[in-house]
PDB file of N, CA and C in Angstrom:
ATOM      1  N   MET A   1       0.779  -1.176  -0.012  1.00  0.00           N
ATOM      2  CA  MET A   1      -0.036   0.070  -0.012  1.00  0.00           C
ATOM      3  C   MET A   1       0.796   1.196   0.037  1.00  0.00           C
ATOM      4  N   SER A   2       0.457   2.238  -0.792  1.00  0.00           N
ATOM      5  CA  SER A   2       1.328   3.342  -0.926  1.00  0.00           C
ATOM      6  C   SER A   2       1.212   4.292   0.320  1.00  0.00           C
ATOM      7  N   ARG A   3       2.127   5.011   0.608  1.00  0.00           N
ATOM      8  CA  ARG A   3       2.020   5.885   1.748  1.00  0.00           C
ATOM      9  C   ARG A   3       0.968   6.878   1.747  1.00  0.00           C
ATOM     10  N   SER A   4       0.746   7.403   0.568  1.00  0.00           N
ATOM     11  CA  SER A   4      -0.408   8.416   0.549  1.00  0.00           C
ATOM     12  C   SER A   4      -1.704   7.919   0.752  1.00  0.00           C
ATOM     13  N   THR A   5      -1.941   6.638   0.206  1.00  0.00           N
ATOM     14  CA  THR A   5      -3.221   5.910   0.548  1.00  0.00           C
ATOM     15  C   THR A   5      -3.479   5.629   1.956  1.00  0.00           C
ATOM     16  N   TYR A   6      -2.406   5.251   2.607  1.00  0.00           N
ATOM     17  CA  TYR A   6      -2.337   4.821   4.072  1.00  0.00           C
ATOM     18  C   TYR A   6      -2.903   6.200   4.927  1.00  0.00           C
ATOM     19  N   TYR A   7      -2.131   7.281   4.665  1.00  0.00           N
ATOM     20  CA  TYR A   7      -2.666   8.424   5.159  1.00  0.00           C
ATOM     21  C   TYR A   7      -3.938   9.003   5.028  1.00  0.00           C
ATOM     22  N   TYR A   8      -4.206   8.777   3.633  1.00  0.00           N
ATOM     23  CA  TYR A   8      -5.574   9.233   3.271  1.00  0.00           C
ATOM     24  C   TYR A   8      -6.667   8.392   4.011  1.00  0.00           C
ATOM     25  N   GLU A   9      -6.541   7.118   4.103  1.00  0.00           N
ATOM     26  CA  GLU A   9      -7.494   6.260   4.884  1.00  0.00           C
ATOM     27  C   GLU A   9      -7.584   6.761   6.361  1.00  0.00           C
ATOM     28  N   LEU A  10      -6.449   7.043   6.910  1.00  0.00           N
ATOM     29  CA  LEU A  10      -6.402   7.390   8.389  1.00  0.00           C
ATOM     30  C   LEU A  10      -7.279   8.681   8.478  1.00  0.00           C
ATOM     31  N   SER A  11      -7.142   9.631   7.461  1.00  0.00           N
ATOM     32  CA  SER A  11      -7.886  10.929   7.801  1.00  0.00           C
ATOM     33  C   SER A  11      -9.300  10.840   7.596  1.00  0.00           C
ATOM     34  N   LYS A  12      -9.797   9.728   6.929  1.00  0.00           N
ATOM     35  CA  LYS A  12     -11.343   9.625   6.749  1.00  0.00           C
ATOM     36  C   LYS A  12     -11.969   9.466   7.997  1.00  0.00           C
ATOM     37  N   THR A  13     -13.357   9.896   8.049  1.00  0.00           N
ATOM     38  CA  THR A  13     -14.013   9.613   9.380  1.00  0.00           C
ATOM     39  C   THR A  13     -14.791   8.325   9.121  1.00  0.00           C
ATOM     40  N   ASP A  14     -15.157   7.751  10.241  1.00  0.00           N
ATOM     41  CA  ASP A  14     -15.708   6.498  10.221  1.00  0.00           C
ATOM     42  C   ASP A  14     -17.428   6.673  10.352  1.00  0.00           C
ATOM     43  N   LYS A  15     -17.959   6.539   9.111  1.00  0.00           N
ATOM     44  CA  LYS A  15     -19.519   6.975   9.096  1.00  0.00           C
ATOM     45  C   LYS A  15     -20.208   5.908   9.697  1.00  0.00           C
ATOM     46  N   VAL A  16     -19.783   4.697   9.802  1.00  0.00           N
ATOM     47  CA  VAL A  16     -20.759   3.727  10.503  1.00  0.00           C
ATOM     48  C   VAL A  16     -20.824   4.130  11.965  1.00  0.00           C
ATOM     49  N   SER A  17     -19.713   4.294  12.673  1.00  0.00           N
ATOM     50  CA  SER A  17     -19.583   4.648  14.175  1.00  0.00           C
ATOM     51  C   SER A  17     -20.488   5.981  14.312  1.00  0.00           C
ATOM     52  N   GLU A  18     -20.451   6.866  13.337  1.00  0.00           N
ATOM     53  CA  GLU A  18     -21.169   8.208  13.486  1.00  0.00           C
ATOM     54  C   GLU A  18     -22.720   7.794  13.368  1.00  0.00           C
ATOM     55  N   ARG A  19     -23.045   6.838  12.483  1.00  0.00           N
ATOM     56  CA  ARG A  19     -24.379   6.513  12.375  1.00  0.00           C
ATOM     57  C   ARG A  19     -24.963   5.816  13.446  1.00  0.00           C
ATOM     58  N   ASN A  20     -24.233   5.105  14.122  1.00  0.00           N
ATOM     59  CA  ASN A  20     -24.721   4.135  15.314  1.00  0.00           C
ATOM     60  C   ASN A  20     -24.314   4.686  16.620  1.00  0.00           C
ATOM     61  N   ALA A  21     -24.015   6.094  16.661  1.00  0.00           N
ATOM     62  CA  ALA A  21     -23.539   6.681  17.943  1.00  0.00           C
ATOM     63  C   ALA A  21     -24.653   6.585  19.093  1.00  0.00           C
ATOM     64  N   ASP A  22     -25.963   7.044  18.650  1.00  0.00           N
ATOM     65  CA  ASP A  22     -26.990   7.018  19.569  1.00  0.00           C
ATOM     66  C   ASP A  22     -27.271   5.604  19.963  1.00  0.00           C
ATOM     67  N   LEU A  23     -27.176   4.644  19.068  1.00  0.00           N
ATOM     68  CA  LEU A  23     -27.370   3.230  19.513  1.00  0.00           C
ATOM     69  C   LEU A  23     -26.459   2.653  20.502  1.00  0.00           C
ATOM     70  N   SER A  24     -25.231   3.081  20.233  1.00  0.00           N
ATOM     71  CA  SER A  24     -24.119   2.636  21.103  1.00  0.00           C
ATOM     72  C   SER A  24     -24.231   3.179  22.515  1.00  0.00           C
ATOM     73  N   SER A  25     -24.544   4.453  22.558  1.00  0.00           N
ATOM     74  CA  SER A  25     -24.736   5.062  23.852  1.00  0.00           C
ATOM     75  C   SER A  25     -25.956   4.442  24.617  1.00  0.00           C
ATOM     76  N   GLU A  26     -26.916   4.070  23.973  1.00  0.00           N
ATOM     77  CA  GLU A  26     -28.239   3.548  24.510  1.00  0.00           C
ATOM     78  C   GLU A  26     -27.819   2.072  25.049  1.00  0.00           C
ATOM     79  N   ILE A  27     -26.924   1.329  24.407  1.00  0.00           N
ATOM     80  CA  ILE A  27     -26.473   0.065  24.887  1.00  0.00           C
ATOM     81  C   ILE A  27     -25.793   0.247  25.985  1.00  0.00           C
ATOM     82  N   ILE A  28     -24.711   1.119  26.106  1.00  0.00           N
ATOM     83  CA  ILE A  28     -23.922   1.387  27.403  1.00  0.00           C
ATOM     84  C   ILE A  28     -24.924   1.731  28.524  1.00  0.00           C
ATOM     85  N   VAL A  29     -25.839   2.481  28.143  1.00  0.00           N
ATOM     86  CA  VAL A  29     -26.777   2.866  29.362  1.00  0.00           C
ATOM     87  C   VAL A  29     -27.588   1.708  29.852  1.00  0.00           C
ATOM     88  N   ILE A  30     -28.123   0.817  28.997  1.00  0.00           N
ATOM     89  CA  ILE A  30     -28.820  -0.345  29.481  1.00  0.00           C
ATOM     90  C   ILE A  30     -27.931  -1.267  30.149  1.00  0.00           C
ATOM     91  N   PHE A  31     -26.747  -1.417  29.702  1.00  0.00           N
ATOM     92  CA  PHE A  31     -25.835  -2.363  30.428  1.00  0.00           C
ATOM     93  C   PHE A  31     -25.524  -1.898  31.767  1.00  0.00           C
ATOM     94  N   ASN A  32     -25.223  -0.560  31.875  1.00  0.00           N
ATOM     95  CA  ASN A  32     -24.923  -0.014  33.255  1.00  0.00           C
ATOM     96  C   ASN A  32     -26.085  -0.005  34.185  1.00  0.00           C
ATOM     97  N   GLU A  33     -27.376   0.187  33.632  1.00  0.00           N
ATOM     98  CA  GLU A  33     -28.437   0.302  34.458  1.00  0.00           C
ATOM     99  C   GLU A  33     -28.758  -0.976  35.168  1.00  0.00           C
ATOM    100  N   ASN A  34     -28.233  -2.125  34.490  1.00  0.00           N
ATOM    101  CA  ASN A  34     -28.630  -3.502  34.930  1.00  0.00           C
ATOM    102  C   ASN A  34     -27.326  -4.074  35.624  1.00  0.00           C
ATOM    103  N   LYS A  35     -26.430  -3.261  36.324  1.00  0.00           N
ATOM    104  CA  LYS A  35     -25.373  -3.623  37.006  1.00  0.00           C
ATOM    105  C   LYS A  35     -24.245  -4.426  36.334  1.00  0.00           C
ATOM    106  N   LYS A  36     -24.291  -4.210  34.877  1.00  0.00           N
ATOM    107  CA  LYS A  36     -23.343  -4.738  33.974  1.00  0.00           C
ATOM    108  C   LYS A  36     -23.500  -6.302  33.989  1.00  0.00           C
ATOM    109  N   ARG A  37     -24.738  -6.796  34.123  1.00  0.00           N
ATOM    110  CA  ARG A  37     -25.069  -8.183  34.077  1.00  0.00           C
ATOM    111  C   ARG A  37     -25.859  -8.707  32.892  1.00  0.00           C
ATOM    112  N   TYR A  38     -26.239  -7.818  32.039  1.00  0.00           N
ATOM    113  CA  TYR A  38     -27.059  -8.117  30.773  1.00  0.00           C
ATOM    114  C   TYR A  38     -26.074  -8.537  29.826  1.00  0.00           C
ATOM    115  N   GLY A  39     -26.495  -9.626  29.071  1.00  0.00           N
ATOM    116  CA  GLY A  39     -25.523 -10.006  27.843  1.00  0.00           C
ATOM    117  C   GLY A  39     -26.301  -9.519  26.691  1.00  0.00           C
ATOM    118  N   VAL A  40     -25.815 -10.105  25.472  1.00  0.00           N
ATOM    119  CA  VAL A  40     -26.278  -9.642  24.203  1.00  0.00           C
ATOM    120  C   VAL A  40     -27.788  -9.836  24.020  1.00  0.00           C
ATOM    121  N   ARG A  41     -28.290 -10.995  24.585  1.00  0.00           N
ATOM    122  CA  ARG A  41     -29.692 -11.279  24.271  1.00  0.00           C
ATOM    123  C   ARG A  41     -30.608 -10.325  25.065  1.00  0.00           C
ATOM    124  N   ARG A  42     -30.343 -10.088  26.212  1.00  0.00           N
ATOM    125  CA  ARG A  42     -31.107  -9.264  27.146  1.00  0.00           C
ATOM    126  C   ARG A  42     -30.948  -7.812  26.599  1.00  0.00           C
ATOM    127  N   VAL A  43     -29.894  -7.264  26.293  1.00  0.00           N
ATOM    128  CA  VAL A  43     -29.675  -6.059  25.713  1.00  0.00           C
ATOM    129  C   VAL A  43     -30.532  -5.798  24.511  1.00  0.00           C
ATOM    130  N   HIS A  44     -30.432  -6.724  23.684  1.00  0.00           N
ATOM    131  CA  HIS A  44     -31.144  -6.724  22.377  1.00  0.00           C
ATOM    132  C   HIS A  44     -32.732  -6.692  22.633  1.00  0.00           C
ATOM    133  N   LYS A  45     -33.221  -7.422  23.526  1.00  0.00           N
ATOM    134  CA  LYS A  45     -34.602  -7.408  24.033  1.00  0.00           C
ATOM    135  C   LYS A  45     -34.983  -6.175  24.522  1.00  0.00           C
ATOM    136  N   GLU A  46     -34.097  -5.494  25.264  1.00  0.00           N
ATOM    137  CA  GLU A  46     -34.301  -4.274  25.929  1.00  0.00           C
ATOM    138  C   GLU A  46     -34.388  -3.158  24.879  1.00  0.00           C
ATOM    139  N   LEU A  47     -33.508  -3.227  23.955  1.00  0.00           N
ATOM    140  CA  LEU A  47     -33.610  -2.241  22.870  1.00  0.00           C
ATOM    141  C   LEU A  47     -34.785  -2.298  22.074  1.00  0.00           C
ATOM    142  N   LEU A  48     -35.319  -3.570  21.797  1.00  0.00           N
ATOM    143  CA  LEU A  48     -36.526  -3.605  21.120  1.00  0.00           C
ATOM    144  C   LEU A  48     -37.727  -3.041  21.998  1.00  0.00           C
ATOM    145  N   ASN A  49     -37.741  -3.396  23.308  1.00  0.00           N
ATOM    146  CA  ASN A  49     -38.790  -2.787  24.207  1.00  0.00           C
ATOM    147  C   ASN A  49     -38.685  -1.244  24.148  1.00  0.00           C
ATOM    148  N   ARG A  50     -37.558  -0.711  23.891  1.00  0.00           N
ATOM    149  CA  ARG A  50     -37.378   0.838  23.887  1.00  0.00           C
ATOM    150  C   ARG A  50     -37.742   1.527  22.539  1.00  0.00           C
ATOM    151  N   GLY A  51     -37.880   0.524  21.611  1.00  0.00           N
ATOM    152  CA  GLY A  51     -38.383   1.206  20.334  1.00  0.00           C
ATOM    153  C   GLY A  51     -37.332   1.222  19.184  1.00  0.00           C
ATOM    154  N   PHE A  52     -36.044   0.647  19.576  1.00  0.00           N
ATOM    155  CA  PHE A  52     -35.208   0.535  18.504  1.00  0.00           C
ATOM    156  C   PHE A  52     -35.216  -0.634  17.473  1.00  0.00           C
ATOM    157  N   ARG A  53     -35.016  -0.478  16.346  1.00  0.00           N
ATOM    158  CA  ARG A  53     -35.270  -1.602  15.248  1.00  0.00           C
ATOM    159  C   ARG A  53     -33.801  -1.953  14.761  1.00  0.00           C
TER     160      ARG A  53
END
């Protein structure tokens, strides 16, 4: 990989993380509200209960 391509890719913003920022923060809130005991299935179910798709 050329040096210019490497630095070009580093300078780009991550659009996926920007798009999912509110979802990620909600997952962290759910996880911390339940004393860090919820796993993937429970967090997913709680997200559905809160109206996320």
